[in-house]
PDB file of N, CA and C in Angstrom:
ATOM      1  N   MET A   1     -15.366 -10.346  12.441  1.00  0.00           N
ATOM      2  CA  MET A   1     -14.302 -11.181  11.927  1.00  0.00           C
ATOM      3  C   MET A   1     -13.706 -10.602  10.629  1.00  0.00           C
ATOM      4  N   LEU A   2     -14.590 -10.181   9.703  1.00  0.00           N
ATOM      5  CA  LEU A   2     -14.092  -9.579   8.468  1.00  0.00           C
ATOM      6  C   LEU A   2     -13.356  -8.275   8.740  1.00  0.00           C
ATOM      7  N   ALA A   3     -13.866  -7.502   9.686  1.00  0.00           N
ATOM      8  CA  ALA A   3     -13.209  -6.239  10.024  1.00  0.00           C
ATOM      9  C   ALA A   3     -11.800  -6.495  10.549  1.00  0.00           C
ATOM     10  N   ALA A   4     -11.640  -7.511  11.365  1.00  0.00           N
ATOM     11  CA  ALA A   4     -10.315  -7.854  11.889  1.00  0.00           C
ATOM     12  C   ALA A   4      -9.389  -8.321  10.764  1.00  0.00           C
ATOM     13  N   LEU A   5      -9.925  -9.079   9.832  1.00  0.00           N
ATOM     14  CA  LEU A   5      -9.135  -9.545   8.695  1.00  0.00           C
ATOM     15  C   LEU A   5      -8.686  -8.366   7.827  1.00  0.00           C
ATOM     16  N   ILE A   6      -9.606  -7.445   7.578  1.00  0.00           N
ATOM     17  CA  ILE A   6      -9.282  -6.253   6.785  1.00  0.00           C
ATOM     18  C   ILE A   6      -8.242  -5.395   7.506  1.00  0.00           C
ATOM     19  N   ALA A   7      -8.406  -5.225   8.807  1.00  0.00           N
ATOM     20  CA  ALA A   7      -7.439  -4.445   9.585  1.00  0.00           C
ATOM     21  C   ALA A   7      -6.058  -5.101   9.545  1.00  0.00           C
ATOM     22  N   ALA A   8      -6.014  -6.415   9.687  1.00  0.00           N
ATOM     23  CA  ALA A   8      -4.729  -7.125   9.678  1.00  0.00           C
ATOM     24  C   ALA A   8      -4.050  -7.027   8.314  1.00  0.00           C
ATOM     25  N   MET A   9      -4.810  -7.216   7.237  1.00  0.00           N
ATOM     26  CA  MET A   9      -4.201  -7.125   5.904  1.00  0.00           C
ATOM     27  C   MET A   9      -3.794  -5.691   5.579  1.00  0.00           C
ATOM     28  N   SER A  10      -4.556  -4.714   6.043  1.00  0.00           N
ATOM     29  CA  SER A  10      -4.185  -3.313   5.838  1.00  0.00           C
ATOM     30  C   SER A  10      -2.903  -2.973   6.590  1.00  0.00           C
ATOM     31  N   ALA A  11      -2.785  -3.484   7.805  1.00  0.00           N
ATOM     32  CA  ALA A  11      -1.561  -3.264   8.591  1.00  0.00           C
ATOM     33  C   ALA A  11      -0.368  -3.943   7.924  1.00  0.00           C
ATOM     34  N   ALA A  12      -0.569  -5.148   7.402  1.00  0.00           N
ATOM     35  CA  ALA A  12       0.509  -5.850   6.701  1.00  0.00           C
ATOM     36  C   ALA A  12       0.923  -5.077   5.450  1.00  0.00           C
ATOM     37  N   ASP A  13      -0.057  -4.547   4.726  1.00  0.00           N
ATOM     38  CA  ASP A  13       0.232  -3.750   3.536  1.00  0.00           C
ATOM     39  C   ASP A  13       1.050  -2.513   3.902  1.00  0.00           C
ATOM     40  N   LEU A  14       0.661  -1.830   4.963  1.00  0.00           N
ATOM     41  CA  LEU A  14       1.407  -0.654   5.410  1.00  0.00           C
ATOM     42  C   LEU A  14       2.833  -1.033   5.810  1.00  0.00           C
ATOM     43  N   TYR A  15       2.988  -2.119   6.542  1.00  0.00           N
ATOM     44  CA  TYR A  15       4.316  -2.560   6.980  1.00  0.00           C
ATOM     45  C   TYR A  15       5.215  -2.878   5.784  1.00  0.00           C
ATOM     46  N   ILE A  16       4.686  -3.641   4.828  1.00  0.00           N
ATOM     47  CA  ILE A  16       5.491  -4.022   3.666  1.00  0.00           C
ATOM     48  C   ILE A  16       5.814  -2.790   2.826  1.00  0.00           C
ATOM     49  N   THR A  17       4.845  -1.906   2.663  1.00  0.00           N
ATOM     50  CA  THR A  17       5.087  -0.662   1.922  1.00  0.00           C
ATOM     51  C   THR A  17       6.201   0.141   2.583  1.00  0.00           C
ATOM     52  N   ALA A  18       6.122   0.306   3.896  1.00  0.00           N
ATOM     53  CA  ALA A  18       7.157   1.052   4.626  1.00  0.00           C
ATOM     54  C   ALA A  18       8.519   0.374   4.505  1.00  0.00           C
ATOM     55  N   LEU A  19       8.515  -0.949   4.534  1.00  0.00           N
ATOM     56  CA  LEU A  19       9.764  -1.701   4.397  1.00  0.00           C
ATOM     57  C   LEU A  19      10.418  -1.424   3.043  1.00  0.00           C
ATOM     58  N   TYR A  20       9.649  -1.513   1.970  1.00  0.00           N
ATOM     59  CA  TYR A  20      10.202  -1.240   0.643  1.00  0.00           C
ATOM     60  C   TYR A  20      10.593   0.218   0.471  1.00  0.00           C
ATOM     61  N   LEU A  21       9.759   1.120   0.968  1.00  0.00           N
ATOM     62  CA  LEU A  21      10.067   2.543   0.831  1.00  0.00           C
ATOM     63  C   LEU A  21      11.348   2.921   1.559  1.00  0.00           C
ATOM     64  N   GLY A  22      11.606   2.270   2.685  1.00  0.00           N
ATOM     65  CA  GLY A  22      12.789   2.584   3.477  1.00  0.00           C
ATOM     66  C   GLY A  22      14.054   1.916   2.988  1.00  0.00           C
ATOM     67  N   THR A  23      13.931   0.984   2.046  1.00  0.00           N
ATOM     68  CA  THR A  23      15.113   0.276   1.547  1.00  0.00           C
ATOM     69  C   THR A  23      15.278   0.507   0.052  1.00  0.00           C
ATOM     70  N   THR A  24      14.696  -0.345  -0.755  1.00  0.00           N
ATOM     71  CA  THR A  24      14.914  -0.292  -2.203  1.00  0.00           C
ATOM     72  C   THR A  24      14.050   0.725  -2.912  1.00  0.00           C
ATOM     73  N   GLY A  25      12.940   1.095  -2.310  1.00  0.00           N
ATOM     74  CA  GLY A  25      11.959   1.926  -2.992  1.00  0.00           C
ATOM     75  C   GLY A  25      10.965   1.025  -3.706  1.00  0.00           C
ATOM     76  N   MET A  26       9.976   1.634  -4.329  1.00  0.00           N
ATOM     77  CA  MET A  26       8.956   0.854  -5.015  1.00  0.00           C
ATOM     78  C   MET A  26       8.224   1.723  -6.018  1.00  0.00           C
ATOM     79  N   ALA A  27       7.600   1.084  -6.979  1.00  0.00           N
ATOM     80  CA  ALA A  27       6.759   1.791  -7.929  1.00  0.00           C
ATOM     81  C   ALA A  27       5.369   1.912  -7.318  1.00  0.00           C
ATOM     82  N   GLU A  28       4.796   3.084  -7.383  1.00  0.00           N
ATOM     83  CA  GLU A  28       3.445   3.310  -6.852  1.00  0.00           C
ATOM     84  C   GLU A  28       2.578   3.865  -7.968  1.00  0.00           C
ATOM     85  N   GLU A  29       1.526   3.151  -8.296  1.00  0.00           N
ATOM     86  CA  GLU A  29       0.625   3.561  -9.366  1.00  0.00           C
ATOM     87  C   GLU A  29      -0.346   4.648  -8.927  1.00  0.00           C
ATOM     88  N   ASN A  30      -0.763   4.624  -7.665  1.00  0.00           N
ATOM     89  CA  ASN A  30      -1.758   5.572  -7.165  1.00  0.00           C
ATOM     90  C   ASN A  30      -1.102   6.948  -6.996  1.00  0.00           C
ATOM     91  N   PRO A  31      -1.535   7.953  -7.771  1.00  0.00           N
ATOM     92  CA  PRO A  31      -0.881   9.262  -7.694  1.00  0.00           C
ATOM     93  C   PRO A  31      -1.022   9.938  -6.325  1.00  0.00           C
ATOM     94  N   LEU A  32      -2.148   9.736  -5.651  1.00  0.00           N
ATOM     95  CA  LEU A  32      -2.316  10.328  -4.323  1.00  0.00           C
ATOM     96  C   LEU A  32      -1.355   9.681  -3.329  1.00  0.00           C
ATOM     97  N   ALA A  33      -1.272   8.369  -3.352  1.00  0.00           N
ATOM     98  CA  ALA A  33      -0.327   7.666  -2.470  1.00  0.00           C
ATOM     99  C   ALA A  33       1.110   8.076  -2.788  1.00  0.00           C
ATOM    100  N   ARG A  34       1.422   8.193  -4.077  1.00  0.00           N
ATOM    101  CA  ARG A  34       2.772   8.597  -4.486  1.00  0.00           C
ATOM    102  C   ARG A  34       3.103   9.990  -3.971  1.00  0.00           C
ATOM    103  N   LEU A  35       2.128  10.905  -4.020  1.00  0.00           N
ATOM    104  CA  LEU A  35       2.323  12.260  -3.493  1.00  0.00           C
ATOM    105  C   LEU A  35       2.607  12.212  -1.992  1.00  0.00           C
ATOM    106  N   ILE A  36       1.834  11.446  -1.267  1.00  0.00           N
ATOM    107  CA  ILE A  36       2.037  11.329   0.184  1.00  0.00           C
ATOM    108  C   ILE A  36       3.401  10.723   0.487  1.00  0.00           C
ATOM    109  N   MET A  37       3.771   9.684  -0.260  1.00  0.00           N
ATOM    110  CA  MET A  37       5.065   9.031  -0.054  1.00  0.00           C
ATOM    111  C   MET A  37       6.228   9.951  -0.395  1.00  0.00           C
ATOM    112  N   SER A  38       6.029  10.854  -1.343  1.00  0.00           N
ATOM    113  CA  SER A  38       7.122  11.732  -1.768  1.00  0.00           C
ATOM    114  C   SER A  38       7.554  12.692  -0.666  1.00  0.00           C
ATOM    115  N   HIS A  39       6.738  12.858   0.362  1.00  0.00           N
ATOM    116  CA  HIS A  39       7.103  13.719   1.490  1.00  0.00           C
ATOM    117  C   HIS A  39       8.091  13.036   2.431  1.00  0.00           C
ATOM    118  N   GLY A  40       8.305  11.738   2.230  1.00  0.00           N
ATOM    119  CA  GLY A  40       9.325  11.031   2.988  1.00  0.00           C
ATOM    120  C   GLY A  40       8.988  10.762   4.439  1.00  0.00           C
ATOM    121  N   SER A  41       7.718  10.721   4.750  1.00  0.00           N
ATOM    122  CA  SER A  41       7.324  10.521   6.143  1.00  0.00           C
ATOM    123  C   SER A  41       6.472   9.275   6.308  1.00  0.00           C
ATOM    124  N   ILE A  42       6.939   8.363   7.113  1.00  0.00           N
ATOM    125  CA  ILE A  42       6.139   7.181   7.429  1.00  0.00           C
ATOM    126  C   ILE A  42       4.906   7.589   8.235  1.00  0.00           C
ATOM    127  N   GLY A  43       5.001   8.685   8.959  1.00  0.00           N
ATOM    128  CA  GLY A  43       3.860   9.200   9.712  1.00  0.00           C
ATOM    129  C   GLY A  43       2.734   9.639   8.794  1.00  0.00           C
ATOM    130  N   TYR A  44       3.075  10.366   7.710  1.00  0.00           N
ATOM    131  CA  TYR A  44       2.064  10.780   6.739  1.00  0.00           C
ATOM    132  C   TYR A  44       1.424   9.560   6.081  1.00  0.00           C
ATOM    133  N   LEU A  45       2.268   8.612   5.713  1.00  0.00           N
ATOM    134  CA  LEU A  45       1.764   7.397   5.064  1.00  0.00           C
ATOM    135  C   LEU A  45       0.839   6.627   6.002  1.00  0.00           C
ATOM    136  N   SER A  46       1.232   6.508   7.249  1.00  0.00           N
ATOM    137  CA  SER A  46       0.405   5.796   8.234  1.00  0.00           C
ATOM    138  C   SER A  46      -0.908   6.528   8.476  1.00  0.00           C
ATOM    139  N   ALA A  47      -0.849   7.844   8.558  1.00  0.00           N
ATOM    140  CA  ALA A  47      -2.071   8.634   8.768  1.00  0.00           C
ATOM    141  C   ALA A  47      -3.010   8.494   7.584  1.00  0.00           C
ATOM    142  N   TRP A  48      -2.462   8.509   6.376  1.00  0.00           N
ATOM    143  CA  TRP A  48      -3.283   8.342   5.183  1.00  0.00           C
ATOM    144  C   TRP A  48      -3.929   6.961   5.153  1.00  0.00           C
ATOM    145  N   LYS A  49      -3.154   5.945   5.493  1.00  0.00           N
ATOM    146  CA  LYS A  49      -3.686   4.577   5.519  1.00  0.00           C
ATOM    147  C   LYS A  49      -4.794   4.471   6.559  1.00  0.00           C
ATOM    148  N   LEU A  50      -4.550   5.015   7.732  1.00  0.00           N
ATOM    149  CA  LEU A  50      -5.556   4.983   8.797  1.00  0.00           C
ATOM    150  C   LEU A  50      -6.813   5.753   8.390  1.00  0.00           C
ATOM    151  N   ALA A  51      -6.627   6.907   7.769  1.00  0.00           N
ATOM    152  CA  ALA A  51      -7.768   7.718   7.343  1.00  0.00           C
ATOM    153  C   ALA A  51      -8.583   7.038   6.245  1.00  0.00           C
ATOM    154  N   SER A  52      -7.950   6.168   5.485  1.00  0.00           N
ATOM    155  CA  SER A  52      -8.679   5.483   4.427  1.00  0.00           C
ATOM    156  C   SER A  52      -9.325   4.180   4.900  1.00  0.00           C
ATOM    157  N   VAL A  53      -8.788   3.571   5.932  1.00  0.00           N
ATOM    158  CA  VAL A  53      -9.303   2.275   6.392  1.00  0.00           C
ATOM    159  C   VAL A  53     -10.250   2.412   7.591  1.00  0.00           C
ATOM    160  N   LEU A  54      -9.929   3.285   8.529  1.00  0.00           N
ATOM    161  CA  LEU A  54     -10.716   3.385   9.760  1.00  0.00           C
ATOM    162  C   LEU A  54     -12.193   3.729   9.526  1.00  0.00           C
ATOM    163  N   PRO A  55     -12.516   4.706   8.679  1.00  0.00           N
ATOM    164  CA  PRO A  55     -13.951   4.984   8.458  1.00  0.00           C
ATOM    165  C   PRO A  55     -14.706   3.780   7.885  1.00  0.00           C
ATOM    166  N   ALA A  56     -14.073   3.077   6.967  1.00  0.00           N
ATOM    167  CA  ALA A  56     -14.717   1.903   6.377  1.00  0.00           C
ATOM    168  C   ALA A  56     -14.944   0.816   7.426  1.00  0.00           C
ATOM    169  N   LEU A  57     -13.948   0.591   8.265  1.00  0.00           N
ATOM    170  CA  LEU A  57     -14.100  -0.412   9.325  1.00  0.00           C
ATOM    171  C   LEU A  57     -15.167   0.002  10.337  1.00  0.00           C
ATOM    172  N   THR A  58     -15.201   1.278  10.651  1.00  0.00           N
ATOM    173  CA  THR A  58     -16.208   1.783  11.590  1.00  0.00           C
ATOM    174  C   THR A  58     -17.612   1.543  11.049  1.00  0.00           C
ATOM    175  N   LEU A  59     -17.823   1.852   9.782  1.00  0.00           N
ATOM    176  CA  LEU A  59     -19.131   1.617   9.167  1.00  0.00           C
ATOM    177  C   LEU A  59     -19.462   0.131   9.092  1.00  0.00           C
ATOM    178  N   MET A  60     -18.448  -0.674   8.754  1.00  0.00           N
ATOM    179  CA  MET A  60     -18.678  -2.121   8.695  1.00  0.00           C
ATOM    180  C   MET A  60     -19.141  -2.676  10.035  1.00  0.00           C
ATOM    181  N   ILE A  61     -18.504  -2.218  11.085  1.00  0.00           N
ATOM    182  CA  ILE A  61     -18.852  -2.713  12.423  1.00  0.00           C
ATOM    183  C   ILE A  61     -20.216  -2.166  12.863  1.00  0.00           C
ATOM    184  N   ALA A  62     -20.460  -0.887  12.602  1.00  0.00           N
ATOM    185  CA  ALA A  62     -21.722  -0.274  13.018  1.00  0.00           C
ATOM    186  C   ALA A  62     -22.925  -0.902  12.317  1.00  0.00           C
ATOM    187  N   TYR A  63     -22.743  -1.280  11.050  1.00  0.00           N
ATOM    188  CA  TYR A  63     -23.851  -1.832  10.267  1.00  0.00           C
ATOM    189  C   TYR A  63     -23.603  -3.287   9.876  1.00  0.00           C
ATOM    190  N   ARG A  64     -22.924  -4.017  10.724  1.00  0.00           N
ATOM    191  CA  ARG A  64     -22.505  -5.377  10.419  1.00  0.00           C
ATOM    192  C   ARG A  64     -23.660  -6.339  10.162  1.00  0.00           C
ATOM    193  N   ARG A  65     -24.816  -6.052  10.651  1.00  0.00           N
ATOM    194  CA  ARG A  65     -25.965  -6.959  10.473  1.00  0.00           C
ATOM    195  C   ARG A  65     -26.654  -6.771   9.119  1.00  0.00           C
ATOM    196  N   ARG A  66     -26.217  -5.807   8.359  1.00  0.00           N
ATOM    197  CA  ARG A  66     -26.804  -5.571   7.034  1.00  0.00           C
ATOM    198  C   ARG A  66     -26.052  -6.386   5.986  1.00  0.00           C
ATOM    199  N   LEU A  67     -26.791  -6.972   5.100  1.00  0.00           N
ATOM    200  CA  LEU A  67     -26.208  -7.811   4.054  1.00  0.00           C
ATOM    201  C   LEU A  67     -25.222  -7.029   3.184  1.00  0.00           C
ATOM    202  N   THR A  68     -25.555  -5.782   2.867  1.00  0.00           N
ATOM    203  CA  THR A  68     -24.655  -4.996   2.022  1.00  0.00           C
ATOM    204  C   THR A  68     -23.296  -4.791   2.680  1.00  0.00           C
ATOM    205  N   MET A  69     -23.286  -4.586   3.983  1.00  0.00           N
ATOM    206  CA  MET A  69     -22.002  -4.405   4.679  1.00  0.00           C
ATOM    207  C   MET A  69     -21.195  -5.700   4.678  1.00  0.00           C
ATOM    208  N   GLU A  70     -21.880  -6.808   4.866  1.00  0.00           N
ATOM    209  CA  GLU A  70     -21.147  -8.075   4.832  1.00  0.00           C
ATOM    210  C   GLU A  70     -20.574  -8.323   3.445  1.00  0.00           C
ATOM    211  N   LEU A  71     -21.362  -8.050   2.421  1.00  0.00           N
ATOM    212  CA  LEU A  71     -20.859  -8.207   1.057  1.00  0.00           C
ATOM    213  C   LEU A  71     -19.679  -7.281   0.788  1.00  0.00           C
ATOM    214  N   LEU A  72     -19.790  -6.035   1.223  1.00  0.00           N
ATOM    215  CA  LEU A  72     -18.676  -5.105   1.058  1.00  0.00           C
ATOM    216  C   LEU A  72     -17.439  -5.574   1.825  1.00  0.00           C
ATOM    217  N   GLY A  73     -17.667  -6.160   2.996  1.00  0.00           N
ATOM    218  CA  GLY A  73     -16.553  -6.706   3.762  1.00  0.00           C
ATOM    219  C   GLY A  73     -15.839  -7.819   3.022  1.00  0.00           C
ATOM    220  N   TRP A  74     -16.615  -8.688   2.390  1.00  0.00           N
ATOM    221  CA  TRP A  74     -16.022  -9.777   1.609  1.00  0.00           C
ATOM    222  C   TRP A  74     -15.279  -9.236   0.390  1.00  0.00           C
ATOM    223  N   VAL A  75     -15.849  -8.230  -0.255  1.00  0.00           N
ATOM    224  CA  VAL A  75     -15.183  -7.617  -1.408  1.00  0.00           C
ATOM    225  C   VAL A  75     -13.869  -6.971  -0.968  1.00  0.00           C
ATOM    226  N   ALA A  76     -13.907  -6.214   0.121  1.00  0.00           N
ATOM    227  CA  ALA A  76     -12.688  -5.578   0.629  1.00  0.00           C
ATOM    228  C   ALA A  76     -11.638  -6.625   0.999  1.00  0.00           C
ATOM    229  N   SER A  77     -12.080  -7.704   1.608  1.00  0.00           N
ATOM    230  CA  SER A  77     -11.149  -8.787   1.977  1.00  0.00           C
ATOM    231  C   SER A  77     -10.524  -9.405   0.732  1.00  0.00           C
ATOM    232  N   ALA A  78     -11.322  -9.605  -0.299  1.00  0.00           N
ATOM    233  CA  ALA A  78     -10.811 -10.177  -1.543  1.00  0.00           C
ATOM    234  C   ALA A  78      -9.801  -9.236  -2.207  1.00  0.00           C
ATOM    235  N   VAL A  79     -10.120  -7.937  -2.202  1.00  0.00           N
ATOM    236  CA  VAL A  79      -9.194  -6.954  -2.782  1.00  0.00           C
ATOM    237  C   VAL A  79      -7.876  -6.957  -2.023  1.00  0.00           C
ATOM    238  N   LEU A  80      -7.946  -6.946  -0.704  1.00  0.00           N
ATOM    239  CA  LEU A  80      -6.715  -6.947   0.102  1.00  0.00           C
ATOM    240  C   LEU A  80      -5.957  -8.265  -0.031  1.00  0.00           C
ATOM    241  N   ALA A  81      -6.669  -9.364  -0.188  1.00  0.00           N
ATOM    242  CA  ALA A  81      -5.987 -10.638  -0.441  1.00  0.00           C
ATOM    243  C   ALA A  81      -5.239 -10.556  -1.772  1.00  0.00           C
ATOM    244  N   GLY A  82      -5.844  -9.906  -2.762  1.00  0.00           N
ATOM    245  CA  GLY A  82      -5.155  -9.682  -4.032  1.00  0.00           C
ATOM    246  C   GLY A  82      -3.921  -8.821  -3.867  1.00  0.00           C
ATOM    247  N   VAL A  83      -4.008  -7.820  -3.000  1.00  0.00           N
ATOM    248  CA  VAL A  83      -2.847  -6.975  -2.708  1.00  0.00           C
ATOM    249  C   VAL A  83      -1.733  -7.819  -2.073  1.00  0.00           C
ATOM    250  N   MET A  84      -2.096  -8.709  -1.176  1.00  0.00           N
ATOM    251  CA  MET A  84      -1.096  -9.566  -0.536  1.00  0.00           C
ATOM    252  C   MET A  84      -0.428 -10.494  -1.561  1.00  0.00           C
ATOM    253  N   VAL A  85      -1.226 -11.046  -2.480  1.00  0.00           N
ATOM    254  CA  VAL A  85      -0.663 -11.889  -3.544  1.00  0.00           C
ATOM    255  C   VAL A  85       0.286 -11.069  -4.404  1.00  0.00           C
ATOM    256  N   ARG A  86      -0.115  -9.844  -4.705  1.00  0.00           N
ATOM    257  CA  ARG A  86       0.741  -8.978  -5.515  1.00  0.00           C
ATOM    258  C   ARG A  86       2.043  -8.642  -4.801  1.00  0.00           C
ATOM    259  N   TRP A  87       2.007  -8.469  -3.474  1.00  0.00           N
ATOM    260  CA  TRP A  87       3.241  -8.225  -2.721  1.00  0.00           C
ATOM    261  C   TRP A  87       4.189  -9.412  -2.857  1.00  0.00           C
ATOM    262  N   VAL A  88       3.659 -10.608  -2.809  1.00  0.00           N
ATOM    263  CA  VAL A  88       4.501 -11.804  -2.961  1.00  0.00           C
ATOM    264  C   VAL A  88       5.149 -11.799  -4.347  1.00  0.00           C
ATOM    265  N   GLN A  89       4.369 -11.492  -5.374  1.00  0.00           N
ATOM    266  CA  GLN A  89       4.917 -11.410  -6.730  1.00  0.00           C
ATOM    267  C   GLN A  89       5.959 -10.299  -6.830  1.00  0.00           C
ATOM    268  N   TYR A  90       5.656  -9.160  -6.245  1.00  0.00           N
ATOM    269  CA  TYR A  90       6.551  -8.003  -6.295  1.00  0.00           C
ATOM    270  C   TYR A  90       7.891  -8.332  -5.642  1.00  0.00           C
ATOM    271  N   ALA A  91       7.829  -9.011  -4.520  1.00  0.00           N
ATOM    272  CA  ALA A  91       9.067  -9.389  -3.835  1.00  0.00           C
ATOM    273  C   ALA A  91       9.930 -10.263  -4.730  1.00  0.00           C
ATOM    274  N   GLY A  92       9.312 -11.138  -5.478  1.00  0.00           N
ATOM    275  CA  GLY A  92      10.065 -11.997  -6.387  1.00  0.00           C
ATOM    276  C   GLY A  92      10.670 -11.239  -7.560  1.00  0.00           C
ATOM    277  N   GLU A  93      10.042 -10.156  -7.960  1.00  0.00           N
ATOM    278  CA  GLU A  93      10.512  -9.366  -9.099  1.00  0.00           C
ATOM    279  C   GLU A  93      11.527  -8.291  -8.712  1.00  0.00           C
ATOM    280  N   THR A  94      11.609  -7.956  -7.441  1.00  0.00           N
ATOM    281  CA  THR A  94      12.408  -6.817  -6.999  1.00  0.00           C
ATOM    282  C   THR A  94      13.890  -6.964  -7.293  1.00  0.00           C
ATOM    283  N   ASP A  95      14.457  -8.150  -7.113  1.00  0.00           N
ATOM    284  CA  ASP A  95      15.893  -8.323  -7.349  1.00  0.00           C
ATOM    285  C   ASP A  95      16.285  -7.958  -8.771  1.00  0.00           C
ATOM    286  N   SER A  96      15.584  -8.515  -9.754  1.00  0.00           N
ATOM    287  CA  SER A  96      15.930  -8.207 -11.149  1.00  0.00           C
ATOM    288  C   SER A  96      15.633  -6.754 -11.483  1.00  0.00           C
ATOM    289  N   LEU A  97      14.598  -6.197 -10.891  1.00  0.00           N
ATOM    290  CA  LEU A  97      14.259  -4.799 -11.115  1.00  0.00           C
ATOM    291  C   LEU A  97      15.348  -3.877 -10.579  1.00  0.00           C
ATOM    292  N   MET A  98      15.872  -4.169  -9.398  1.00  0.00           N
ATOM    293  CA  MET A  98      16.923  -3.328  -8.811  1.00  0.00           C
ATOM    294  C   MET A  98      18.201  -3.388  -9.640  1.00  0.00           C
ATOM    295  N   ILE A  99      18.519  -4.543 -10.174  1.00  0.00           N
ATOM    296  CA  ILE A  99      19.699  -4.673 -11.039  1.00  0.00           C
ATOM    297  C   ILE A  99      19.514  -3.811 -12.284  1.00  0.00           C
ATOM    298  N   ALA A 100      18.332  -3.846 -12.862  1.00  0.00           N
ATOM    299  CA  ALA A 100      18.057  -3.050 -14.061  1.00  0.00           C
ATOM    300  C   ALA A 100      18.106  -1.552 -13.754  1.00  0.00           C
ATOM    301  N   LEU A 101      17.565  -1.142 -12.627  1.00  0.00           N
ATOM    302  CA  LEU A 101      17.584   0.280 -12.253  1.00  0.00           C
ATOM    303  C   LEU A 101      18.999   0.778 -12.003  1.00  0.00           C
ATOM    304  N   GLN A 102      19.837  -0.052 -11.403  1.00  0.00           N
ATOM    305  CA  GLN A 102      21.222   0.352 -11.163  1.00  0.00           C
ATOM    306  C   GLN A 102      22.000   0.449 -12.464  1.00  0.00           C
ATOM    307  N   ALA A 103      21.650  -0.373 -13.433  1.00  0.00           N
ATOM    308  CA  ALA A 103      22.352  -0.366 -14.715  1.00  0.00           C
ATOM    309  C   ALA A 103      21.968   0.848 -15.554  1.00  0.00           C
ATOM    310  N   ALA A 104      20.759   1.353 -15.371  1.00  0.00           N
ATOM    311  CA  ALA A 104      20.289   2.478 -16.186  1.00  0.00           C
ATOM    312  C   ALA A 104      19.553   3.490 -15.315  1.00  0.00           C
ATOM    313  N   PRO A 105      20.286   4.233 -14.468  1.00  0.00           N
ATOM    314  CA  PRO A 105      19.620   5.161 -13.544  1.00  0.00           C
ATOM    315  C   PRO A 105      18.854   6.280 -14.245  1.00  0.00           C
ATOM    316  N   ASP A 106      19.232   6.633 -15.478  1.00  0.00           N
ATOM    317  CA  ASP A 106      18.527   7.699 -16.184  1.00  0.00           C
ATOM    318  C   ASP A 106      17.164   7.243 -16.701  1.00  0.00           C
ATOM    319  N   MET A 107      16.886   5.964 -16.641  1.00  0.00           N
ATOM    320  CA  MET A 107      15.603   5.430 -17.089  1.00  0.00           C
ATOM    321  C   MET A 107      14.634   5.251 -15.927  1.00  0.00           C
ATOM    322  N   ARG A 108      14.925   5.855 -14.820  1.00  0.00           N
ATOM    323  CA  ARG A 108      14.092   5.719 -13.631  1.00  0.00           C
ATOM    324  C   ARG A 108      12.695   6.274 -13.879  1.00  0.00           C
ATOM    325  N   ASP A 109      11.708   5.539 -13.447  1.00  0.00           N
ATOM    326  CA  ASP A 109      10.296   5.883 -13.635  1.00  0.00           C
ATOM    327  C   ASP A 109       9.865   6.878 -12.566  1.00  0.00           C
ATOM    328  N   ASP A 110       9.051   7.868 -12.940  1.00  0.00           N
ATOM    329  CA  ASP A 110       8.579   8.867 -11.986  1.00  0.00           C
ATOM    330  C   ASP A 110       7.665   8.274 -10.918  1.00  0.00           C
ATOM    331  N   ARG A 111       7.153   7.076 -11.152  1.00  0.00           N
ATOM    332  CA  ARG A 111       6.310   6.424 -10.155  1.00  0.00           C
ATOM    333  C   ARG A 111       7.135   5.776  -9.045  1.00  0.00           C
ATOM    334  N   TRP A 112       8.471   5.734  -9.227  1.00  0.00           N
ATOM    335  CA  TRP A 112       9.340   5.095  -8.235  1.00  0.00           C
ATOM    336  C   TRP A 112       9.498   6.018  -7.035  1.00  0.00           C
ATOM    337  N   VAL A 113       9.227   5.494  -5.851  1.00  0.00           N
ATOM    338  CA  VAL A 113       9.272   6.297  -4.638  1.00  0.00           C
ATOM    339  C   VAL A 113      10.181   5.616  -3.625  1.00  0.00           C
ATOM    340  N   VAL A 114      11.066   6.396  -3.007  1.00  0.00           N
ATOM    341  CA  VAL A 114      11.912   5.930  -1.910  1.00  0.00           C
ATOM    342  C   VAL A 114      11.669   6.877  -0.753  1.00  0.00           C
ATOM    343  N   LEU A 115      11.437   6.340   0.421  1.00  0.00           N
ATOM    344  CA  LEU A 115      11.144   7.162   1.594  1.00  0.00           C
ATOM    345  C   LEU A 115      12.291   8.138   1.810  1.00  0.00           C
ATOM    346  N   GLY A 116      11.955   9.402   1.959  1.00  0.00           N
ATOM    347  CA  GLY A 116      12.962  10.415   2.214  1.00  0.00           C
ATOM    348  C   GLY A 116      13.380  11.175   0.982  1.00  0.00           C
ATOM    349  N   GLU A 117      13.039  10.670  -0.221  1.00  0.00           N
ATOM    350  CA  GLU A 117      13.377  11.388  -1.449  1.00  0.00           C
ATOM    351  C   GLU A 117      12.217  12.299  -1.822  1.00  0.00           C
ATOM    352  N   ARG A 118      12.529  13.492  -2.233  1.00  0.00           N
ATOM    353  CA  ARG A 118      11.514  14.396  -2.756  1.00  0.00           C
ATOM    354  C   ARG A 118      11.239  14.013  -4.200  1.00  0.00           C
ATOM    355  N   SER A 119       9.992  14.157  -4.615  1.00  0.00           N
ATOM    356  CA  SER A 119       9.660  13.807  -5.995  1.00  0.00           C
ATOM    357  C   SER A 119      10.355  14.784  -6.942  1.00  0.00           C
ATOM    358  N   ARG A 120      10.707  14.276  -8.117  1.00  0.00           N
ATOM    359  CA  ARG A 120      11.353  15.098  -9.116  1.00  0.00           C
ATOM    360  C   ARG A 120      10.278  15.727  -9.988  1.00  0.00           C
ATOM    361  N   SER A 121      10.042  17.003  -9.813  1.00  0.00           N
ATOM    362  CA  SER A 121       9.019  17.674 -10.621  1.00  0.00           C
ATOM    363  C   SER A 121       9.637  18.731 -11.494  1.00  0.00           C
TER     364      SER A 121
END
């Protein structure tokens, strides 16, 4: 059950990330994720997400009867629930952020990623 919840929230996170990357763009704090996103490929992003989630889910399912795995499952679920809450907050902040970015394009943050744009190095 926890594995299914983690898979569903991870898929939702990937979908929302792809949605923002393909439209307005988004700020990404994780430098590895930002590097992957800078290649402009939803395929790379999906592969990275799958590579980071699938091994954890496989271990959770294989060792599901162990208390440590159940605890880790609950922790992962809580973290992803926090990510979902943050997406809701982010969506509310995006309108004012986009207005500010359009008003001052030279103040653009290097963490800002839009699908298809190469990073400015």
